[in-house]
C-alpha atoms as a PDB file:
ATOM      1  CA  MET A   1      90.741 130.272  96.596  1.00  0.00           C
ATOM      2  CA  ALA A   2      88.882 127.012  95.990  1.00  0.00           C
ATOM      3  CA  GLN A   3      85.146 127.505  95.791  1.00  0.00           C
ATOM      4  CA  LYS A   4      82.725 125.025  97.303  1.00  0.00           C
ATOM      5  CA  VAL A   5      80.917 123.308  94.418  1.00  0.00           C
ATOM      6  CA  LEU A   6      78.156 120.922  95.458  1.00  0.00           C
ATOM      7  CA  SER A   7      76.614 118.167  93.371  1.00  0.00           C
ATOM      8  CA  ASN A   8      73.408 118.762  91.420  1.00  0.00           C
ATOM      9  CA  PRO A   9      71.618 116.643  88.801  1.00  0.00           C
ATOM     10  CA  ASN A  10      73.540 118.353  85.972  1.00  0.00           C
ATOM     11  CA  ASN A  11      77.075 117.995  87.370  1.00  0.00           C
ATOM     12  CA  LEU A  12      76.722 114.665  89.198  1.00  0.00           C
ATOM     13  CA  LEU A  13      79.927 112.594  89.022  1.00  0.00           C
ATOM     14  CA  VAL A  14      78.624 109.116  88.166  1.00  0.00           C
ATOM     15  CA  LEU A  15      81.306 106.411  88.439  1.00  0.00           C
ATOM     16  CA  PHE A  16      79.155 103.328  87.845  1.00  0.00           C
ATOM     17  CA  GLU A  17      75.514 102.669  87.040  1.00  0.00           C
ATOM     18  CA  ASP A  18      73.385  99.670  86.136  1.00  0.00           C
ATOM     19  CA  ASN A  19      69.786  98.629  86.787  1.00  0.00           C
ATOM     20  CA  HIS A  20      70.427  97.981  90.488  1.00  0.00           C
ATOM     21  CA  LEU A  21      73.246 100.291  91.647  1.00  0.00           C
ATOM     22  CA  ILE A  22      74.617 103.758  91.110  1.00  0.00           C
ATOM     23  CA  ALA A  23      78.012 104.898  92.447  1.00  0.00           C
ATOM     24  CA  ILE A  24      78.750 108.605  92.812  1.00  0.00           C
ATOM     25  CA  ASN A  25      82.019 110.459  93.358  1.00  0.00           C
ATOM     26  CA  LYS A  26      80.869 112.652  96.256  1.00  0.00           C
ATOM     27  CA  ARG A  27      82.197 116.187  96.315  1.00  0.00           C
ATOM     28  CA  PRO A  28      83.419 117.678  99.609  1.00  0.00           C
ATOM     29  CA  GLY A  29      80.450 119.458 101.180  1.00  0.00           C
ATOM     30  CA  ASP A  30      77.828 117.076  99.794  1.00  0.00           C
ATOM     31  CA  ILE A  31      75.774 115.516 102.562  1.00  0.00           C
ATOM     32  CA  VAL A  32      74.783 111.908 101.861  1.00  0.00           C
ATOM     33  CA  GLN A  33      71.488 111.896 103.764  1.00  0.00           C
ATOM     34  CA  GLY A  34      69.298 114.717 105.032  1.00  0.00           C
ATOM     35  CA  ASP A  35      70.029 116.194 108.466  1.00  0.00           C
ATOM     36  CA  LYS A  36      69.077 119.171 110.632  1.00  0.00           C
ATOM     37  CA  THR A  37      70.779 121.624 108.228  1.00  0.00           C
ATOM     38  CA  GLY A  38      67.961 121.115 105.746  1.00  0.00           C
ATOM     39  CA  ASP A  39      70.469 121.132 102.854  1.00  0.00           C
ATOM     40  CA  MET A  40      69.550 118.942  99.891  1.00  0.00           C
ATOM     41  CA  PRO A  41      71.280 115.591 100.409  1.00  0.00           C
ATOM     42  CA  LEU A  42      73.127 113.667  97.724  1.00  0.00           C
ATOM     43  CA  SER A  43      70.441 110.965  97.888  1.00  0.00           C
ATOM     44  CA  GLU A  44      67.835 113.488  96.661  1.00  0.00           C
ATOM     45  CA  VAL A  45      70.193 114.821  93.980  1.00  0.00           C
ATOM     46  CA  VAL A  46      70.661 111.266  92.655  1.00  0.00           C
ATOM     47  CA  LYS A  47      66.885 110.727  92.631  1.00  0.00           C
ATOM     48  CA  LEU A  48      66.442 113.873  90.532  1.00  0.00           C
ATOM     49  CA  TYR A  49      69.222 112.750  88.196  1.00  0.00           C
ATOM     50  CA  ILE A  50      67.558 109.341  87.680  1.00  0.00           C
ATOM     51  CA  LYS A  51      64.116 110.920  87.234  1.00  0.00           C
ATOM     52  CA  GLU A  52      65.419 113.298  84.561  1.00  0.00           C
ATOM     53  CA  LYS A  53      67.709 110.822  82.792  1.00  0.00           C
ATOM     54  CA  TYR A  54      65.091 108.089  82.435  1.00  0.00           C
ATOM     55  CA  ASN A  55      62.028 110.371  82.342  1.00  0.00           C
ATOM     56  CA  LYS A  56      60.529 108.472  85.275  1.00  0.00           C
ATOM     57  CA  PRO A  57      57.042 109.396  86.486  1.00  0.00           C
ATOM     58  CA  GLY A  58      56.277 109.531  90.191  1.00  0.00           C
ATOM     59  CA  ASN A  59      58.739 108.882  92.998  1.00  0.00           C
ATOM     60  CA  VAL A  60      62.159 107.375  92.326  1.00  0.00           C
ATOM     61  CA  TYR A  61      63.357 104.591  94.645  1.00  0.00           C
ATOM     62  CA  LEU A  62      66.854 105.004  96.087  1.00  0.00           C
ATOM     63  CA  GLY A  63      68.376 103.158  99.029  1.00  0.00           C
ATOM     64  CA  VAL A  64      71.265 104.499 101.139  1.00  0.00           C
ATOM     65  CA  ALA A  65      73.674 101.724 102.168  1.00  0.00           C
ATOM     66  CA  HIS A  66      76.589 103.719 103.647  1.00  0.00           C
ATOM     67  CA  ARG A  67      77.776 107.272 104.207  1.00  0.00           C
ATOM     68  CA  LEU A  68      80.811 109.552 104.089  1.00  0.00           C
ATOM     69  CA  ASP A  69      81.492 112.538 106.337  1.00  0.00           C
ATOM     70  CA  ARG A  70      80.367 115.821 104.794  1.00  0.00           C
ATOM     71  CA  PRO A  71      83.851 117.392 104.334  1.00  0.00           C
ATOM     72  CA  THR A  72      85.262 114.259 102.672  1.00  0.00           C
ATOM     73  CA  SER A  73      85.044 113.128  99.055  1.00  0.00           C
ATOM     74  CA  GLY A  74      84.879 109.860  97.153  1.00  0.00           C
ATOM     75  CA  ILE A  75      82.761 106.827  96.393  1.00  0.00           C
ATOM     76  CA  VAL A  76      79.204 106.474  97.661  1.00  0.00           C
ATOM     77  CA  VAL A  77      77.064 103.603  96.355  1.00  0.00           C
ATOM     78  CA  PHE A  78      73.263 103.766  96.318  1.00  0.00           C
ATOM     79  CA  SER A  79      70.756 101.034  95.553  1.00  0.00           C
ATOM     80  CA  LYS A  80      68.290 101.696  92.735  1.00  0.00           C
ATOM     81  CA  THR A  81      66.110  98.677  93.603  1.00  0.00           C
ATOM     82  CA  SER A  82      64.557  97.307  96.777  1.00  0.00           C
ATOM     83  CA  LYS A  83      65.972  93.906  95.804  1.00  0.00           C
ATOM     84  CA  ALA A  84      69.573  95.148  95.907  1.00  0.00           C
ATOM     85  CA  LEU A  85      69.422  97.261  99.091  1.00  0.00           C
ATOM     86  CA  PRO A  86      69.343  94.528 101.790  1.00  0.00           C
ATOM     87  CA  ARG A  87      72.088  92.646  99.954  1.00  0.00           C
ATOM     88  CA  LEU A  88      74.170  95.802  99.671  1.00  0.00           C
ATOM     89  CA  ASN A  89      73.583  96.555 103.370  1.00  0.00           C
ATOM     90  CA  LYS A  90      74.777  93.034 104.188  1.00  0.00           C
ATOM     91  CA  LEU A  91      77.953  93.527 102.120  1.00  0.00           C
ATOM     92  CA  PHE A  92      78.879  96.618 104.120  1.00  0.00           C
ATOM     93  CA  ALA A  93      77.755  95.235 107.486  1.00  0.00           C
ATOM     94  CA  GLU A  94      79.788  92.054 107.060  1.00  0.00           C
ATOM     95  CA  LYS A  95      82.861  93.889 105.697  1.00  0.00           C
ATOM     96  CA  GLU A  96      82.654  92.085 102.362  1.00  0.00           C
ATOM     97  CA  ALA A  97      83.237  95.352 100.508  1.00  0.00           C
ATOM     98  CA  GLN A  98      86.908  96.373 100.375  1.00  0.00           C
ATOM     99  CA  LYS A  99      87.275 100.146 100.845  1.00  0.00           C
ATOM    100  CA  THR A 100      90.523 102.037 100.288  1.00  0.00           C
ATOM    101  CA  TYR A 101      90.956 105.664 101.294  1.00  0.00           C
ATOM    102  CA  TRP A 102      93.541 108.334 100.544  1.00  0.00           C
ATOM    103  CA  ALA A 103      94.474 110.914 103.164  1.00  0.00           C
ATOM    104  CA  ILE A 104      96.895 113.841 102.941  1.00  0.00           C
ATOM    105  CA  VAL A 105      98.753 114.694 106.141  1.00  0.00           C
ATOM    106  CA  LYS A 106     101.469 117.232 106.970  1.00  0.00           C
ATOM    107  CA  ASN A 107     103.487 115.093 109.373  1.00  0.00           C
ATOM    108  CA  LYS A 108     105.148 111.881 108.280  1.00  0.00           C
ATOM    109  CA  PRO A 109     104.141 108.892 110.430  1.00  0.00           C
ATOM    110  CA  LYS A 110     106.971 107.248 112.374  1.00  0.00           C
ATOM    111  CA  LYS A 111     106.539 104.101 110.260  1.00  0.00           C
ATOM    112  CA  ASN A 112     106.025 103.993 106.489  1.00  0.00           C
ATOM    113  CA  ALA A 113     103.361 101.331 107.012  1.00  0.00           C
ATOM    114  CA  ASP A 114     101.575 100.125 110.125  1.00  0.00           C
ATOM    115  CA  THR A 115      98.386  98.748 111.625  1.00  0.00           C
ATOM    116  CA  LEU A 116      96.711 101.111 114.095  1.00  0.00           C
ATOM    117  CA  THR A 117      94.483  99.825 116.868  1.00  0.00           C
ATOM    118  CA  HIS A 118      92.590 102.216 119.127  1.00  0.00           C
ATOM    119  CA  TRP A 119      89.394 102.294 121.150  1.00  0.00           C
ATOM    120  CA  LEU A 120      87.192 105.143 119.947  1.00  0.00           C
ATOM    121  CA  LYS A 121      84.745 106.877 122.260  1.00  0.00           C
ATOM    122  CA  ARG A 122      82.177 109.055 120.565  1.00  0.00           C
ATOM    123  CA  ASN A 123      81.069 112.415 121.950  1.00  0.00           C
ATOM    124  CA  ASN A 124      77.725 113.152 120.315  1.00  0.00           C
ATOM    125  CA  LYS A 125      77.548 116.757 121.544  1.00  0.00           C
ATOM    126  CA  GLN A 126      80.853 117.547 119.850  1.00  0.00           C
ATOM    127  CA  ASN A 127      80.245 115.154 116.922  1.00  0.00           C
ATOM    128  CA  LYS A 128      83.749 113.863 117.543  1.00  0.00           C
ATOM    129  CA  SER A 129      85.434 110.582 118.433  1.00  0.00           C
ATOM    130  CA  TYR A 130      88.366 110.314 120.845  1.00  0.00           C
ATOM    131  CA  ALA A 131      91.011 107.644 120.310  1.00  0.00           C
ATOM    132  CA  HIS A 132      92.363 105.743 123.320  1.00  0.00           C
ATOM    133  CA  THR A 133      95.223 103.254 123.389  1.00  0.00           C
ATOM    134  CA  LYS A 134      93.344 101.057 125.884  1.00  0.00           C
ATOM    135  CA  GLU A 135      89.706 100.114 126.170  1.00  0.00           C
ATOM    136  CA  VAL A 136      87.563 102.627 128.070  1.00  0.00           C
ATOM    137  CA  SER A 137      83.845 102.557 128.906  1.00  0.00           C
ATOM    138  CA  ASP A 138      81.520 102.904 125.891  1.00  0.00           C
ATOM    139  CA  SER A 139      84.428 102.678 123.460  1.00  0.00           C
ATOM    140  CA  LYS A 140      84.606 100.611 120.271  1.00  0.00           C
ATOM    141  CA  LYS A 141      87.691  98.903 118.879  1.00  0.00           C
ATOM    142  CA  ALA A 142      88.987 100.540 115.696  1.00  0.00           C
ATOM    143  CA  ILE A 143      91.605  99.014 113.387  1.00  0.00           C
ATOM    144  CA  LEU A 144      93.107 100.312 110.164  1.00  0.00           C
ATOM    145  CA  ASP A 145      96.168  99.709 107.999  1.00  0.00           C
ATOM    146  CA  TYR A 146      98.030 102.613 106.429  1.00  0.00           C
ATOM    147  CA  LYS A 147     101.046 103.067 104.202  1.00  0.00           C
ATOM    148  CA  VAL A 148     102.821 106.156 102.910  1.00  0.00           C
ATOM    149  CA  ILE A 149     102.504 106.037  99.123  1.00  0.00           C
ATOM    150  CA  LYS A 150     103.855 109.455  98.096  1.00  0.00           C
ATOM    151  CA  LYS A 151     105.860 112.360  99.480  1.00  0.00           C
ATOM    152  CA  LEU A 152     104.618 115.720  98.266  1.00  0.00           C
ATOM    153  CA  ASP A 153     106.353 119.093  98.680  1.00  0.00           C
ATOM    154  CA  ARG A 154     104.849 119.756 102.116  1.00  0.00           C
ATOM    155  CA  TYR A 155     102.626 116.757 102.744  1.00  0.00           C
ATOM    156  CA  TYR A 156     102.435 112.980 102.668  1.00  0.00           C
ATOM    157  CA  LEU A 157      99.847 110.861 100.895  1.00  0.00           C
ATOM    158  CA  LEU A 158      98.656 107.846 102.883  1.00  0.00           C
ATOM    159  CA  GLU A 159      96.627 104.901 101.614  1.00  0.00           C
ATOM    160  CA  ILE A 160      94.307 103.426 104.238  1.00  0.00           C
ATOM    161  CA  ASP A 161      92.415 100.152 104.475  1.00  0.00           C
ATOM    162  CA  LEU A 162      89.761  99.884 107.172  1.00  0.00           C
ATOM    163  CA  HIS A 163      89.149  96.755 109.233  1.00  0.00           C
ATOM    164  CA  THR A 164      86.320  98.427 111.156  1.00  0.00           C
ATOM    165  CA  GLY A 165      83.917 101.231 110.330  1.00  0.00           C
ATOM    166  CA  ARG A 166      83.719 103.623 113.271  1.00  0.00           C
ATOM    167  CA  HIS A 167      82.551 107.231 113.539  1.00  0.00           C
ATOM    168  CA  HIS A 168      85.339 109.495 112.212  1.00  0.00           C
ATOM    169  CA  GLN A 169      87.699 106.529 112.486  1.00  0.00           C
ATOM    170  CA  ILE A 170      90.418 107.564 110.030  1.00  0.00           C
ATOM    171  CA  ARG A 171      90.338 111.167 111.210  1.00  0.00           C
ATOM    172  CA  ALA A 172      90.611 110.236 114.896  1.00  0.00           C
ATOM    173  CA  GLN A 173      93.228 107.504 114.509  1.00  0.00           C
ATOM    174  CA  LEU A 174      95.572 109.522 112.279  1.00  0.00           C
ATOM    175  CA  SER A 175      95.247 112.478 114.649  1.00  0.00           C
ATOM    176  CA  ALA A 176      96.151 110.165 117.549  1.00  0.00           C
ATOM    177  CA  ILE A 177      99.529 109.364 115.935  1.00  0.00           C
ATOM    178  CA  GLY A 178     100.266 113.049 115.282  1.00  0.00           C
ATOM    179  CA  CYS A 179      99.146 113.041 111.640  1.00  0.00           C
ATOM    180  CA  PRO A 180      95.892 115.034 111.391  1.00  0.00           C
ATOM    181  CA  ILE A 181      94.413 115.261 107.906  1.00  0.00           C
ATOM    182  CA  LYS A 182      94.938 118.474 105.919  1.00  0.00           C
ATOM    183  CA  GLY A 183      92.114 120.913 106.654  1.00  0.00           C
ATOM    184  CA  ASP A 184      90.686 118.909 109.557  1.00  0.00           C
ATOM    185  CA  LEU A 185      90.507 121.512 112.342  1.00  0.00           C
ATOM    186  CA  LYS A 186      88.303 119.234 114.457  1.00  0.00           C
ATOM    187  CA  TYR A 187      91.130 116.692 114.718  1.00  0.00           C
ATOM    188  CA  GLY A 188      94.077 118.996 115.158  1.00  0.00           C
ATOM    189  CA  PHE A 189      95.160 120.370 111.783  1.00  0.00           C
ATOM    190  CA  ASP A 190      96.320 123.970 112.161  1.00  0.00           C
ATOM    191  CA  ARG A 191      94.130 125.606 109.502  1.00  0.00           C
ATOM    192  CA  SER A 192      91.029 124.870 107.500  1.00  0.00           C
ATOM    193  CA  ASN A 193      90.803 124.454 103.745  1.00  0.00           C
ATOM    194  CA  PRO A 194      89.203 127.432 101.924  1.00  0.00           C
ATOM    195  CA  ASN A 195      86.219 125.333 100.800  1.00  0.00           C
ATOM    196  CA  ALA A 196      85.759 123.680 104.246  1.00  0.00           C
ATOM    197  CA  SER A 197      86.828 120.285 102.857  1.00  0.00           C
ATOM    198  CA  ILE A 198      89.324 117.923 104.411  1.00  0.00           C
ATOM    199  CA  HIS A 199      91.818 115.940 102.347  1.00  0.00           C
ATOM    200  CA  LEU A 200      90.267 112.529 102.951  1.00  0.00           C
ATOM    201  CA  HIS A 201      88.993 110.656  99.902  1.00  0.00           C
ATOM    202  CA  ALA A 202      87.234 107.310  99.477  1.00  0.00           C
ATOM    203  CA  ARG A 203      89.473 106.191  96.622  1.00  0.00           C
ATOM    204  CA  SER A 204      88.350 102.674  95.670  1.00  0.00           C
ATOM    205  CA  LEU A 205      85.678 100.114  96.451  1.00  0.00           C
ATOM    206  CA  SER A 206      85.640  96.426  95.494  1.00  0.00           C
ATOM    207  CA  PHE A 207      82.751  94.041  96.059  1.00  0.00           C
ATOM    208  CA  VAL A 208      80.693  91.313  94.449  1.00  0.00           C
ATOM    209  CA  HIS A 209      77.604  92.763  92.781  1.00  0.00           C
ATOM    210  CA  PRO A 210      74.668  91.970  95.085  1.00  0.00           C
ATOM    211  CA  VAL A 211      72.401  90.851  92.221  1.00  0.00           C
ATOM    212  CA  ARG A 212      74.601  89.928  89.245  1.00  0.00           C
ATOM    213  CA  LYS A 213      77.261  88.273  91.461  1.00  0.00           C
ATOM    214  CA  GLU A 214      80.064  89.741  89.361  1.00  0.00           C
ATOM    215  CA  PRO A 215      83.156  91.382  90.886  1.00  0.00           C
ATOM    216  CA  ILE A 216      82.989  95.181  90.733  1.00  0.00           C
ATOM    217  CA  GLU A 217      85.868  97.580  91.298  1.00  0.00           C
ATOM    218  CA  ILE A 218      85.214 101.315  91.344  1.00  0.00           C
ATOM    219  CA  VAL A 219      87.965 103.952  91.504  1.00  0.00           C
ATOM    220  CA  ALA A 220      87.237 107.632  92.125  1.00  0.00           C
ATOM    221  CA  PRO A 221      89.578 110.427  91.048  1.00  0.00           C
ATOM    222  CA  PRO A 222      90.204 112.896  93.891  1.00  0.00           C
ATOM    223  CA  PRO A 223      88.830 116.452  93.749  1.00  0.00           C
ATOM    224  CA  GLU A 224      90.518 119.037  91.558  1.00  0.00           C
ATOM    225  CA  ASP A 225      92.940 121.069  93.639  1.00  0.00           C
ATOM    226  CA  PRO A 226      96.724 121.580  93.501  1.00  0.00           C
ATOM    227  CA  VAL A 227      97.519 119.216  96.399  1.00  0.00           C
ATOM    228  CA  TRP A 228      95.292 116.378  95.181  1.00  0.00           C
ATOM    229  CA  ASN A 229      96.518 116.931  91.605  1.00  0.00           C
ATOM    230  CA  ALA A 230     100.082 116.295  92.798  1.00  0.00           C
ATOM    231  CA  CYS A 231      99.026 112.825  93.992  1.00  0.00           C
ATOM    232  CA  CYS A 232      97.932 111.419  90.635  1.00  0.00           C
END
């Protein structure tokens, strides 16, 4: 049975780091920012890592520019300087950062590749988004591209590019076409994963560095487990 291993300053999976940015490969179960659970968020873990690595006195600055759902894994970029944060926020807000995700599903989509368009309506009490084929009140348009990139023994590996960034977008849209993500009970998969993860991974991120103006491409290996291992 897979055990839930969370990030700490000694096991942090650093994918990229310079004076202005640090990119982490988030483990499933890590929470990016603090919430009502009171669990230590990844942002605080990264601060401790920086403090220890560079022997910094006092408080460490760290800016959060985007998030990933707790049960997912993959790339999260933080700003190490106040100069970089607003520029990084602008990159994500204006969709100038290209994100690619991997998702493992049990059912093969009807098409090997397609663009999905739905209107997502968020239910805050349930912390869930519902996908509709037509616009409904208080809904937001959600668009993604997917393609099947590998057939596994019992599952299919999809690669997903987002055009919009909505709450639980990939989870809700794949569920709406009958392809819930492995382990995602909330969106219709039949059983949970032993470590409470879901098989959704922020695989790659490309953007122009907000300070150095150089192109950056970051790729994150998926978590260690037999199903993910079969994908690489």
